[in-house]
Protein backbone atom coordinates (compact mmCIF):
# COMPACT_ATOMS: atom_id res chain seq x y z
CA MET A 1 -129.30 24.59 45.37
CA LEU A 2 -127.87 20.84 45.79
CA ILE A 3 -126.65 19.40 48.93
CA GLY A 4 -125.05 16.19 48.77
CA ALA A 5 -125.84 13.21 51.34
CA GLY A 6 -124.37 13.54 54.82
CA ALA A 7 -123.46 17.24 54.28
CA LYS A 8 -123.72 19.74 57.25
CA VAL A 9 -124.46 23.38 57.05
CA LEU A 10 -123.62 24.84 60.67
CA GLY A 11 -124.16 28.32 61.46
CA PRO A 12 -126.40 31.04 60.65
CA PHE A 13 -125.20 32.37 57.31
CA LYS A 14 -126.61 32.26 53.66
CA VAL A 15 -125.94 29.76 51.00
CA GLY A 16 -126.16 31.33 47.36
CA ASP A 17 -128.76 30.25 44.75
CA ASN A 18 -127.62 27.43 42.41
CA THR A 19 -124.84 26.29 44.89
CA ASN A 20 -123.57 22.53 45.22
CA ILE A 21 -122.30 21.26 48.47
CA ALA A 22 -120.75 17.85 47.92
CA ALA A 23 -121.34 15.00 50.03
CA GLY A 24 -119.95 14.79 53.58
CA ALA A 25 -119.11 18.22 53.26
CA VAL A 26 -118.99 20.84 56.46
CA VAL A 27 -119.96 24.30 55.61
CA LEU A 28 -119.02 26.70 58.25
CA GLU A 29 -119.18 30.00 56.38
CA GLU A 30 -121.36 31.42 53.78
CA ILE A 31 -121.21 30.14 50.13
CA PRO A 32 -121.63 32.71 47.00
CA PRO A 33 -124.24 31.80 44.31
CA ASP A 34 -123.21 29.78 41.54
CA CYS A 35 -120.61 27.96 43.57
CA THR A 36 -119.53 24.41 44.12
CA ALA A 37 -118.24 23.70 47.88
CA VAL A 38 -116.30 20.26 48.90
CA GLY A 39 -114.51 19.33 52.19
CA VAL A 40 -114.30 19.56 55.85
CA PRO A 41 -114.48 22.44 56.27
CA ALA A 42 -116.03 23.30 53.03
CA ARG A 43 -114.21 25.24 50.61
CA VAL A 44 -115.33 26.92 47.29
CA VAL A 45 -113.73 25.30 44.25
CA LYS A 46 -115.43 26.14 41.66
CA HIS A 47 -117.57 29.25 40.62
CA LYS A 48 -119.71 29.56 37.77
CA GLY A 49 -118.21 26.11 36.61
CA VAL A 50 -114.49 27.49 36.54
CA ARG A 51 -112.02 26.16 39.01
CA VAL A 52 -111.28 28.95 41.67
CA ASP A 53 -107.87 27.44 42.48
CA CYS A 54 -105.71 24.37 41.92
CA LEU A 55 -106.06 21.81 44.36
CA ASP A 56 -102.77 19.99 44.03
CA GLN A 57 -103.27 16.42 45.41
CA ILE A 58 -100.04 15.19 43.74
CA HIS A 59 -97.23 17.51 45.31
CA ILE A 60 -98.50 17.76 49.28
CA PRO A 61 -95.92 17.17 51.98
CA ASP A 62 -95.67 14.06 53.14
CA PRO A 63 -95.28 14.24 56.92
CA VAL A 64 -94.45 10.66 57.37
CA SER A 65 -91.63 10.81 54.67
CA GLN A 66 -90.25 14.07 56.26
CA GLU A 67 -89.86 12.48 59.67
CA LEU A 68 -88.17 9.43 58.54
CA CYS A 69 -86.05 11.69 56.51
CA ARG A 70 -85.16 13.72 59.68
CA MET A 71 -84.63 10.48 61.91
CA SER A 72 -82.41 8.95 59.17
CA HIS A 73 -80.16 11.98 59.35
CA ARG A 74 -80.07 11.89 63.05
CA ILE A 75 -79.14 8.39 62.91
CA ALA A 76 -76.10 9.02 60.82
CA LEU A 77 -75.19 11.82 63.23
CA LEU A 78 -75.29 9.66 66.35
CA GLU A 79 -73.53 6.86 64.63
CA LYS A 80 -70.72 9.13 63.28
CA GLU A 81 -70.29 10.30 67.04
CA LEU A 82 -70.71 6.69 68.54
CA LYS A 83 -67.75 5.71 66.00
CA LYS A 84 -65.57 8.82 67.53
CA TYR A 85 -66.02 7.52 70.92
CA GLN A 86 -65.30 3.97 70.07
CA LYS A 87 -62.28 4.77 68.31
CA THR A 88 -61.18 6.95 71.26
CA GLU A 89 -61.82 3.95 73.56
CA TYR A 90 -60.24 1.53 71.53
CA GLU A 91 -57.09 3.50 71.51
CA GLU A 92 -56.89 4.18 75.30
CA GLN A 93 -57.57 0.31 75.52
CA ASN A 94 -54.36 -0.04 73.30
CA GLU A 95 -52.23 2.31 75.14
CA ARG A 96 -53.30 0.50 78.59
CA ASN A 97 -52.18 -2.84 77.08
CA TYR A 98 -49.36 -1.52 75.75
CA GLU A 99 -48.07 0.08 79.19
CA ASP A 100 -49.01 -2.98 80.77
CA GLU A 101 -46.59 -5.11 78.67
CA ASN A 102 -43.66 -2.53 79.14
CA ILE A 103 -44.05 -2.43 82.96
């Protein structure tokens, strides 16, 4: 077993033989033999040298970008509504001016 610097194994469970735990990982559950575990909380990424799952670091959602998109959409809707009210107010003002001139 190899435990990287700063890794923590928290709990009363077994960590399998020939297991690697990455530096800084926090292990909260049992790790099977011949595995490599990384992350917080630690998850198995390799079993007998073969990747267990695809860790797609490229296509993860960007919450900041998503929120900016939502805000941009909301601003566009509010600007459209504001223009509608400004147009209505402008038309009412013109009608009042027209009535004042014709009195």
